């Protein structure tokens, strides 16, 4: 569905992504792991049209379509192609209602597909029942967990084929994180392809089909979730499992 070849992206004067190549299969949940500053958010921002690459290609293929070169497209064009970003820290509109936030997710199809938008709101409420009955509440009054659900729901209102999530677990209680990850697993089963940037490595690997580790803008480790879960480097760096040194006689 998505293929990236030789991508170079700068964040200001700093090169955040270096010669990166990867692919994502349709219906797959790919976790992208790594420390702060590894280039993970820059990569998602580039796929969402927020950052412009200086080199490389991004090819995207919707179901039944031929692959298209979307390199450097604007955010609006990326959304129309079927790519939606749930940004880090959610970035909901605090002074607007829950319903208005959801409606903004469908802004690009409001005129052409207005009849189905109210049904889409209902479907989002089915996915996130905790938001039911809060449609008129100001989004800024919601808890962090509910705001994260709203941010994901807003992205789903765009009818994405690929959902990009940037650190959805940040600032959330463990119970809420488990709920969010469970919802992502359910979304994957509906056919939505997901790229998940996450520092909560354990939570990400539990739901992902495949994962990769980024360091300094490049991919250093990749494989199935099970392979990364058992990888000694991943265990030491991201899962808090220090290697036990043999005792000295």
C-alpha atoms as a PDB file:
ATOM      1  CA  UNK A   1       0.000   0.000   0.000  1.00  0.00           C
ATOM      2  CA  UNK A   2       2.801   2.420   0.915  1.00  0.00           C
ATOM      3  CA  UNK A   3       6.362   2.335  -0.341  1.00  0.00           C
ATOM      4  CA  UNK A   4       9.072   4.830   0.582  1.00  0.00           C
ATOM      5  CA  UNK A   5      12.423   4.887  -1.201  1.00  0.00           C
ATOM      6  CA  UNK A   6      15.520   6.846  -0.163  1.00  0.00           C
ATOM      7  CA  UNK A   7      13.699   9.541   1.808  1.00  0.00           C
ATOM      8  CA  UNK A   8      15.654  12.547   3.113  1.00  0.00           C
ATOM      9  CA  UNK A   9      13.818  15.109   5.251  1.00  0.00           C
ATOM     10  CA  UNK A  10      15.119  18.109   7.186  1.00  0.00           C
ATOM     11  CA  UNK A  11      13.604  19.576  10.342  1.00  0.00           C
ATOM     12  CA  UNK A  12      14.872  23.123  10.147  1.00  0.00           C
ATOM     13  CA  UNK A  13      18.608  22.816   9.524  1.00  0.00           C
ATOM     14  CA  UNK A  14      18.819  19.312  10.982  1.00  0.00           C
ATOM     15  CA  UNK A  15      18.447  16.242   8.794  1.00  0.00           C
ATOM     16  CA  UNK A  16      15.820  14.198  10.629  1.00  0.00           C
ATOM     17  CA  UNK A  17      15.325  11.386   8.093  1.00  0.00           C
ATOM     18  CA  UNK A  18      18.254   9.892   6.159  1.00  0.00           C
ATOM     19  CA  UNK A  19      17.880   7.685   3.099  1.00  0.00           C
ATOM     20  CA  UNK A  20      14.922   5.880   4.647  1.00  0.00           C
ATOM     21  CA  UNK A  21      13.157   3.107   2.751  1.00  0.00           C
ATOM     22  CA  UNK A  22      10.216   1.048   3.972  1.00  0.00           C
ATOM     23  CA  UNK A  23       6.946  -0.514   2.882  1.00  0.00           C
ATOM     24  CA  UNK A  24       3.602  -1.038   4.562  1.00  0.00           C
ATOM     25  CA  UNK A  25       1.147  -3.701   3.447  1.00  0.00           C
ATOM     26  CA  UNK A  26      -2.569  -3.074   3.198  1.00  0.00           C
ATOM     27  CA  UNK A  27      -4.329  -3.918   6.470  1.00  0.00           C
ATOM     28  CA  UNK A  28      -1.064  -4.030   8.413  1.00  0.00           C
ATOM     29  CA  UNK A  29      -0.297  -2.370  11.747  1.00  0.00           C
ATOM     30  CA  UNK A  30       3.315  -1.214  11.647  1.00  0.00           C
ATOM     31  CA  UNK A  31       4.898   0.107  14.838  1.00  0.00           C
ATOM     32  CA  UNK A  32       7.766   2.586  14.594  1.00  0.00           C
ATOM     33  CA  UNK A  33       9.903   2.635  17.711  1.00  0.00           C
ATOM     34  CA  UNK A  34      12.830   4.732  18.836  1.00  0.00           C
ATOM     35  CA  UNK A  35      14.036   7.390  21.237  1.00  0.00           C
ATOM     36  CA  UNK A  36      13.197  11.087  21.072  1.00  0.00           C
ATOM     37  CA  UNK A  37      14.885  12.739  18.127  1.00  0.00           C
ATOM     38  CA  UNK A  38      15.065   9.557  16.057  1.00  0.00           C
ATOM     39  CA  UNK A  39      12.991  11.078  13.239  1.00  0.00           C
ATOM     40  CA  UNK A  40       9.758   9.183  13.879  1.00  0.00           C
ATOM     41  CA  UNK A  41       7.459  12.200  14.084  1.00  0.00           C
ATOM     42  CA  UNK A  42       9.172  13.829  11.122  1.00  0.00           C
ATOM     43  CA  UNK A  43       8.471  10.716   9.074  1.00  0.00           C
ATOM     44  CA  UNK A  44       4.760  10.770   9.946  1.00  0.00           C
ATOM     45  CA  UNK A  45       4.611  14.516   9.318  1.00  0.00           C
ATOM     46  CA  UNK A  46       6.103  13.961   5.883  1.00  0.00           C
ATOM     47  CA  UNK A  47       3.509  11.317   5.053  1.00  0.00           C
ATOM     48  CA  UNK A  48       0.812  13.753   6.212  1.00  0.00           C
ATOM     49  CA  UNK A  49       2.171  16.531   3.996  1.00  0.00           C
ATOM     50  CA  UNK A  50       3.472  18.696   6.851  1.00  0.00           C
ATOM     51  CA  UNK A  51       7.147  18.232   5.951  1.00  0.00           C
ATOM     52  CA  UNK A  52       8.605  18.366   2.456  1.00  0.00           C
ATOM     53  CA  UNK A  53      11.277  15.802   1.567  1.00  0.00           C
ATOM     54  CA  UNK A  54      14.385  16.967  -0.252  1.00  0.00           C
ATOM     55  CA  UNK A  55      15.024  13.549  -1.748  1.00  0.00           C
ATOM     56  CA  UNK A  56      13.251  10.238  -2.260  1.00  0.00           C
ATOM     57  CA  UNK A  57       9.819   9.028  -3.299  1.00  0.00           C
ATOM     58  CA  UNK A  58       6.577   8.147  -1.537  1.00  0.00           C
ATOM     59  CA  UNK A  59       4.220   5.845  -3.437  1.00  0.00           C
ATOM     60  CA  UNK A  60       0.716   5.193  -2.131  1.00  0.00           C
ATOM     61  CA  UNK A  61      -1.885   2.762  -3.435  1.00  0.00           C
ATOM     62  CA  UNK A  62      -5.529   2.775  -2.432  1.00  0.00           C
ATOM     63  CA  UNK A  63      -7.532  -0.443  -2.751  1.00  0.00           C
ATOM     64  CA  UNK A  64      -8.076  -1.238  -6.418  1.00  0.00           C
ATOM     65  CA  UNK A  65      -6.029   1.737  -7.646  1.00  0.00           C
ATOM     66  CA  UNK A  66      -2.631   1.941  -9.248  1.00  0.00           C
ATOM     67  CA  UNK A  67       0.194   3.313  -7.054  1.00  0.00           C
ATOM     68  CA  UNK A  68       0.532   7.100  -7.103  1.00  0.00           C
ATOM     69  CA  UNK A  69       3.524   9.288  -6.355  1.00  0.00           C
ATOM     70  CA  UNK A  70       2.403  11.506  -3.456  1.00  0.00           C
ATOM     71  CA  UNK A  71       5.830  12.911  -2.621  1.00  0.00           C
ATOM     72  CA  UNK A  72       5.530  16.483  -1.365  1.00  0.00           C
ATOM     73  CA  UNK A  73       1.730  16.679  -1.575  1.00  0.00           C
ATOM     74  CA  UNK A  74      -0.053  19.210   0.622  1.00  0.00           C
ATOM     75  CA  UNK A  75      -1.818  18.056   3.807  1.00  0.00           C
ATOM     76  CA  UNK A  76      -5.215  18.467   2.143  1.00  0.00           C
ATOM     77  CA  UNK A  77      -4.166  16.302  -0.798  1.00  0.00           C
ATOM     78  CA  UNK A  78      -2.823  13.652   1.551  1.00  0.00           C
ATOM     79  CA  UNK A  79      -6.172  13.536   3.353  1.00  0.00           C
ATOM     80  CA  UNK A  80      -8.006  13.244   0.045  1.00  0.00           C
ATOM     81  CA  UNK A  81      -5.693  10.407  -0.949  1.00  0.00           C
ATOM     82  CA  UNK A  82      -6.756   8.574   2.219  1.00  0.00           C
ATOM     83  CA  UNK A  83      -4.020   9.354   4.756  1.00  0.00           C
ATOM     84  CA  UNK A  84      -5.007  10.826   8.137  1.00  0.00           C
ATOM     85  CA  UNK A  85      -2.708  11.881  10.970  1.00  0.00           C
ATOM     86  CA  UNK A  86      -3.489  11.775  14.685  1.00  0.00           C
ATOM     87  CA  UNK A  87      -0.801  14.178  15.935  1.00  0.00           C
ATOM     88  CA  UNK A  88       1.187  13.963  19.131  1.00  0.00           C
ATOM     89  CA  UNK A  89      -0.561  15.716  22.039  1.00  0.00           C
ATOM     90  CA  UNK A  90      -3.819  15.285  20.087  1.00  0.00           C
ATOM     91  CA  UNK A  91      -4.170  18.966  19.053  1.00  0.00           C
ATOM     92  CA  UNK A  92      -7.939  19.012  19.367  1.00  0.00           C
ATOM     93  CA  UNK A  93      -9.798  22.328  19.264  1.00  0.00           C
ATOM     94  CA  UNK A  94     -10.449  22.874  22.966  1.00  0.00           C
ATOM     95  CA  UNK A  95     -12.949  25.702  22.530  1.00  0.00           C
ATOM     96  CA  UNK A  96     -15.111  23.703  20.115  1.00  0.00           C
ATOM     97  CA  UNK A  97     -17.569  20.962  20.993  1.00  0.00           C
ATOM     98  CA  UNK A  98     -16.874  17.282  20.612  1.00  0.00           C
ATOM     99  CA  UNK A  99     -19.241  17.185  17.635  1.00  0.00           C
ATOM    100  CA  UNK A 100     -17.604  20.177  15.951  1.00  0.00           C
ATOM    101  CA  UNK A 101     -14.186  18.543  16.320  1.00  0.00           C
ATOM    102  CA  UNK A 102     -15.511  15.412  14.628  1.00  0.00           C
ATOM    103  CA  UNK A 103     -17.120  17.407  11.844  1.00  0.00           C
ATOM    104  CA  UNK A 104     -13.822  19.127  11.103  1.00  0.00           C
ATOM    105  CA  UNK A 105     -12.357  15.719  10.319  1.00  0.00           C
ATOM    106  CA  UNK A 106     -14.782  15.477   7.397  1.00  0.00           C
ATOM    107  CA  UNK A 107     -14.357  19.031   6.143  1.00  0.00           C
ATOM    108  CA  UNK A 108     -12.955  17.961   2.774  1.00  0.00           C
ATOM    109  CA  UNK A 109     -16.063  15.942   1.898  1.00  0.00           C
ATOM    110  CA  UNK A 110     -18.725  18.075   3.562  1.00  0.00           C
ATOM    111  CA  UNK A 111     -20.300  19.194   0.272  1.00  0.00           C
ATOM    112  CA  UNK A 112     -19.902  16.001  -1.727  1.00  0.00           C
ATOM    113  CA  UNK A 113     -20.777  13.510   1.000  1.00  0.00           C
ATOM    114  CA  UNK A 114     -22.855  15.521   3.461  1.00  0.00           C
ATOM    115  CA  UNK A 115     -25.624  12.920   3.696  1.00  0.00           C
ATOM    116  CA  UNK A 116     -23.381  10.257   5.225  1.00  0.00           C
ATOM    117  CA  UNK A 117     -21.457  12.429   7.682  1.00  0.00           C
ATOM    118  CA  UNK A 118     -24.057  12.148  10.461  1.00  0.00           C
ATOM    119  CA  UNK A 119     -23.932   8.365  10.081  1.00  0.00           C
ATOM    120  CA  UNK A 120     -20.149   8.532  10.350  1.00  0.00           C
ATOM    121  CA  UNK A 121     -20.466  10.409  13.642  1.00  0.00           C
ATOM    122  CA  UNK A 122     -22.653   7.584  14.903  1.00  0.00           C
ATOM    123  CA  UNK A 123     -20.062   5.023  13.860  1.00  0.00           C
ATOM    124  CA  UNK A 124     -17.333   6.916  15.717  1.00  0.00           C
ATOM    125  CA  UNK A 125     -19.529   6.889  18.810  1.00  0.00           C
ATOM    126  CA  UNK A 126     -19.882   3.137  18.477  1.00  0.00           C
ATOM    127  CA  UNK A 127     -16.112   2.782  18.352  1.00  0.00           C
ATOM    128  CA  UNK A 128     -15.698   5.162  21.301  1.00  0.00           C
ATOM    129  CA  UNK A 129     -18.813   4.723  23.456  1.00  0.00           C
ATOM    130  CA  UNK A 130     -17.236   6.874  26.178  1.00  0.00           C
ATOM    131  CA  UNK A 131     -17.868   9.889  23.914  1.00  0.00           C
ATOM    132  CA  UNK A 132     -21.596   9.191  23.618  1.00  0.00           C
ATOM    133  CA  UNK A 133     -23.706  11.887  25.229  1.00  0.00           C
ATOM    134  CA  UNK A 134     -20.797  14.343  25.221  1.00  0.00           C
ATOM    135  CA  UNK A 135     -21.350  15.708  21.721  1.00  0.00           C
ATOM    136  CA  UNK A 136     -22.145  19.228  22.984  1.00  0.00           C
ATOM    137  CA  UNK A 137     -19.400  19.366  25.613  1.00  0.00           C
ATOM    138  CA  UNK A 138     -16.350  21.523  24.969  1.00  0.00           C
ATOM    139  CA  UNK A 139     -13.478  19.282  23.923  1.00  0.00           C
ATOM    140  CA  UNK A 140     -11.106  21.032  26.319  1.00  0.00           C
ATOM    141  CA  UNK A 141     -13.107  19.808  29.323  1.00  0.00           C
ATOM    142  CA  UNK A 142     -12.530  16.140  28.472  1.00  0.00           C
ATOM    143  CA  UNK A 143      -9.957  13.957  30.184  1.00  0.00           C
ATOM    144  CA  UNK A 144      -6.744  13.148  28.353  1.00  0.00           C
ATOM    145  CA  UNK A 145      -8.003   9.696  27.427  1.00  0.00           C
ATOM    146  CA  UNK A 146     -11.258  11.030  26.001  1.00  0.00           C
ATOM    147  CA  UNK A 147      -9.370  13.705  24.084  1.00  0.00           C
ATOM    148  CA  UNK A 148      -7.196  11.004  22.525  1.00  0.00           C
ATOM    149  CA  UNK A 149     -10.311   9.062  21.524  1.00  0.00           C
ATOM    150  CA  UNK A 150     -11.731  12.250  20.031  1.00  0.00           C
ATOM    151  CA  UNK A 151      -8.529  12.879  18.069  1.00  0.00           C
ATOM    152  CA  UNK A 152      -8.652   9.374  16.607  1.00  0.00           C
ATOM    153  CA  UNK A 153     -12.366   9.740  15.896  1.00  0.00           C
ATOM    154  CA  UNK A 154     -11.730  13.028  14.101  1.00  0.00           C
ATOM    155  CA  UNK A 155      -9.155  11.312  11.884  1.00  0.00           C
ATOM    156  CA  UNK A 156     -11.588   8.469  11.136  1.00  0.00           C
ATOM    157  CA  UNK A 157     -14.173  10.986   9.932  1.00  0.00           C
ATOM    158  CA  UNK A 158     -11.930  11.525   6.897  1.00  0.00           C
ATOM    159  CA  UNK A 159     -12.502   7.872   5.822  1.00  0.00           C
ATOM    160  CA  UNK A 160      -8.774   7.095   5.826  1.00  0.00           C
ATOM    161  CA  UNK A 161      -7.224   4.070   4.202  1.00  0.00           C
ATOM    162  CA  UNK A 162      -4.091   4.673   6.260  1.00  0.00           C
ATOM    163  CA  UNK A 163      -4.113   6.037   9.804  1.00  0.00           C
ATOM    164  CA  UNK A 164      -0.947   7.622  11.212  1.00  0.00           C
ATOM    165  CA  UNK A 165      -0.702   7.880  14.995  1.00  0.00           C
ATOM    166  CA  UNK A 166       2.035   9.847  16.739  1.00  0.00           C
ATOM    167  CA  UNK A 167       2.576   8.792  20.371  1.00  0.00           C
ATOM    168  CA  UNK A 168      -1.096   8.159  21.287  1.00  0.00           C
ATOM    169  CA  UNK A 169      -0.136   6.891  24.767  1.00  0.00           C
ATOM    170  CA  UNK A 170       1.603  10.082  25.916  1.00  0.00           C
ATOM    171  CA  UNK A 171       0.289  11.278  29.272  1.00  0.00           C
ATOM    172  CA  UNK A 172      -2.329   8.539  29.606  1.00  0.00           C
ATOM    173  CA  UNK A 173      -2.886   6.084  32.444  1.00  0.00           C
ATOM    174  CA  UNK A 174      -1.946   2.431  31.722  1.00  0.00           C
ATOM    175  CA  UNK A 175      -5.605   1.352  31.699  1.00  0.00           C
ATOM    176  CA  UNK A 176      -6.455   3.976  29.084  1.00  0.00           C
ATOM    177  CA  UNK A 177      -3.412   3.017  27.010  1.00  0.00           C
ATOM    178  CA  UNK A 178      -4.614  -0.586  26.916  1.00  0.00           C
ATOM    179  CA  UNK A 179      -8.038   0.588  25.783  1.00  0.00           C
ATOM    180  CA  UNK A 180      -6.568   2.744  23.015  1.00  0.00           C
ATOM    181  CA  UNK A 181      -4.367  -0.110  21.778  1.00  0.00           C
ATOM    182  CA  UNK A 182      -7.344  -2.475  21.824  1.00  0.00           C
ATOM    183  CA  UNK A 183      -9.292  -0.019  19.677  1.00  0.00           C
ATOM    184  CA  UNK A 184      -6.414   0.159  17.186  1.00  0.00           C
ATOM    185  CA  UNK A 185      -6.493  -3.643  16.903  1.00  0.00           C
ATOM    186  CA  UNK A 186     -10.210  -3.462  16.172  1.00  0.00           C
ATOM    187  CA  UNK A 187      -9.705  -0.765  13.535  1.00  0.00           C
ATOM    188  CA  UNK A 188      -7.085  -2.900  11.807  1.00  0.00           C
ATOM    189  CA  UNK A 189      -9.627  -5.696  11.502  1.00  0.00           C
ATOM    190  CA  UNK A 190     -11.925  -3.340   9.574  1.00  0.00           C
ATOM    191  CA  UNK A 191      -9.243  -2.922   6.908  1.00  0.00           C
ATOM    192  CA  UNK A 192      -7.612   0.326   8.051  1.00  0.00           C
ATOM    193  CA  UNK A 193      -3.836   0.277   7.624  1.00  0.00           C
ATOM    194  CA  UNK A 194      -2.042   1.788  10.618  1.00  0.00           C
ATOM    195  CA  UNK A 195       1.389   3.278  11.228  1.00  0.00           C
ATOM    196  CA  UNK A 196       1.944   3.705  14.955  1.00  0.00           C
ATOM    197  CA  UNK A 197       4.805   5.807  16.337  1.00  0.00           C
ATOM    198  CA  UNK A 198       5.131   4.890  19.984  1.00  0.00           C
ATOM    199  CA  UNK A 199       7.644   5.053  22.818  1.00  0.00           C
ATOM    200  CA  UNK A 200       5.610   2.611  24.889  1.00  0.00           C
ATOM    201  CA  UNK A 201       7.383  -0.249  23.165  1.00  0.00           C
ATOM    202  CA  UNK A 202       5.694  -3.050  25.046  1.00  0.00           C
ATOM    203  CA  UNK A 203       2.184  -1.765  24.305  1.00  0.00           C
ATOM    204  CA  UNK A 204       3.023  -1.178  20.637  1.00  0.00           C
ATOM    205  CA  UNK A 205       4.546  -4.617  20.058  1.00  0.00           C
ATOM    206  CA  UNK A 206       1.507  -6.316  21.580  1.00  0.00           C
ATOM    207  CA  UNK A 207      -0.785  -4.957  18.848  1.00  0.00           C
ATOM    208  CA  UNK A 208       1.556  -4.545  15.858  1.00  0.00           C
ATOM    209  CA  UNK A 209       2.063  -7.074  13.083  1.00  0.00           C
ATOM    210  CA  UNK A 210       5.521  -5.746  12.332  1.00  0.00           C
ATOM    211  CA  UNK A 211       7.835  -3.160  13.837  1.00  0.00           C
ATOM    212  CA  UNK A 212      10.983  -1.223  13.132  1.00  0.00           C
ATOM    213  CA  UNK A 213      13.381   0.849  15.182  1.00  0.00           C
ATOM    214  CA  UNK A 214      14.605   4.248  14.024  1.00  0.00           C
ATOM    215  CA  UNK A 215      17.843   5.833  15.181  1.00  0.00           C
ATOM    216  CA  UNK A 216      19.141   9.153  13.855  1.00  0.00           C
ATOM    217  CA  UNK A 217      16.737   9.123  10.944  1.00  0.00           C
ATOM    218  CA  UNK A 218      17.464   5.612   9.715  1.00  0.00           C
ATOM    219  CA  UNK A 219      16.021   2.159  10.311  1.00  0.00           C
ATOM    220  CA  UNK A 220      18.366   0.024  12.384  1.00  0.00           C
ATOM    221  CA  UNK A 221      16.149  -2.956  13.280  1.00  0.00           C
ATOM    222  CA  UNK A 222      13.044  -4.387  11.623  1.00  0.00           C
ATOM    223  CA  UNK A 223      11.007  -7.554  11.801  1.00  0.00           C
ATOM    224  CA  UNK A 224       7.842  -9.071  13.173  1.00  0.00           C
ATOM    225  CA  UNK A 225       6.625  -7.949  16.584  1.00  0.00           C
ATOM    226  CA  UNK A 226       7.622 -11.304  18.039  1.00  0.00           C
ATOM    227  CA  UNK A 227      11.135 -10.955  16.618  1.00  0.00           C
ATOM    228  CA  UNK A 228      11.605  -7.493  18.089  1.00  0.00           C
ATOM    229  CA  UNK A 229      10.120  -8.536  21.412  1.00  0.00           C
ATOM    230  CA  UNK A 230      12.839 -11.186  21.713  1.00  0.00           C
ATOM    231  CA  UNK A 231      15.645  -9.073  20.232  1.00  0.00           C
ATOM    232  CA  UNK A 232      18.287  -8.459  22.910  1.00  0.00           C
ATOM    233  CA  UNK A 233      19.036  -4.929  21.695  1.00  0.00           C
ATOM    234  CA  UNK A 234      15.354  -3.984  21.805  1.00  0.00           C
ATOM    235  CA  UNK A 235      14.981  -5.582  25.227  1.00  0.00           C
ATOM    236  CA  UNK A 236      17.896  -3.633  26.670  1.00  0.00           C
ATOM    237  CA  UNK A 237      17.086  -0.287  25.054  1.00  0.00           C
ATOM    238  CA  UNK A 238      13.292  -0.209  25.062  1.00  0.00           C
ATOM    239  CA  UNK A 239      11.857  -2.950  27.272  1.00  0.00           C
ATOM    240  CA  UNK A 240      13.939  -2.369  30.377  1.00  0.00           C
ATOM    241  CA  UNK A 241      15.480  -5.838  30.383  1.00  0.00           C
ATOM    242  CA  UNK A 242      19.149  -5.432  31.191  1.00  0.00           C
ATOM    243  CA  UNK A 243      21.486  -8.196  30.165  1.00  0.00           C
ATOM    244  CA  UNK A 244      22.567 -10.234  33.174  1.00  0.00           C
ATOM    245  CA  UNK A 245      26.348 -10.310  33.461  1.00  0.00           C
ATOM    246  CA  UNK A 246      27.931 -13.594  34.547  1.00  0.00           C
ATOM    247  CA  UNK A 247      29.329 -13.622  38.048  1.00  0.00           C
ATOM    248  CA  UNK A 248      33.097 -13.355  38.380  1.00  0.00           C
ATOM    249  CA  UNK A 249      34.548 -16.303  40.287  1.00  0.00           C
END
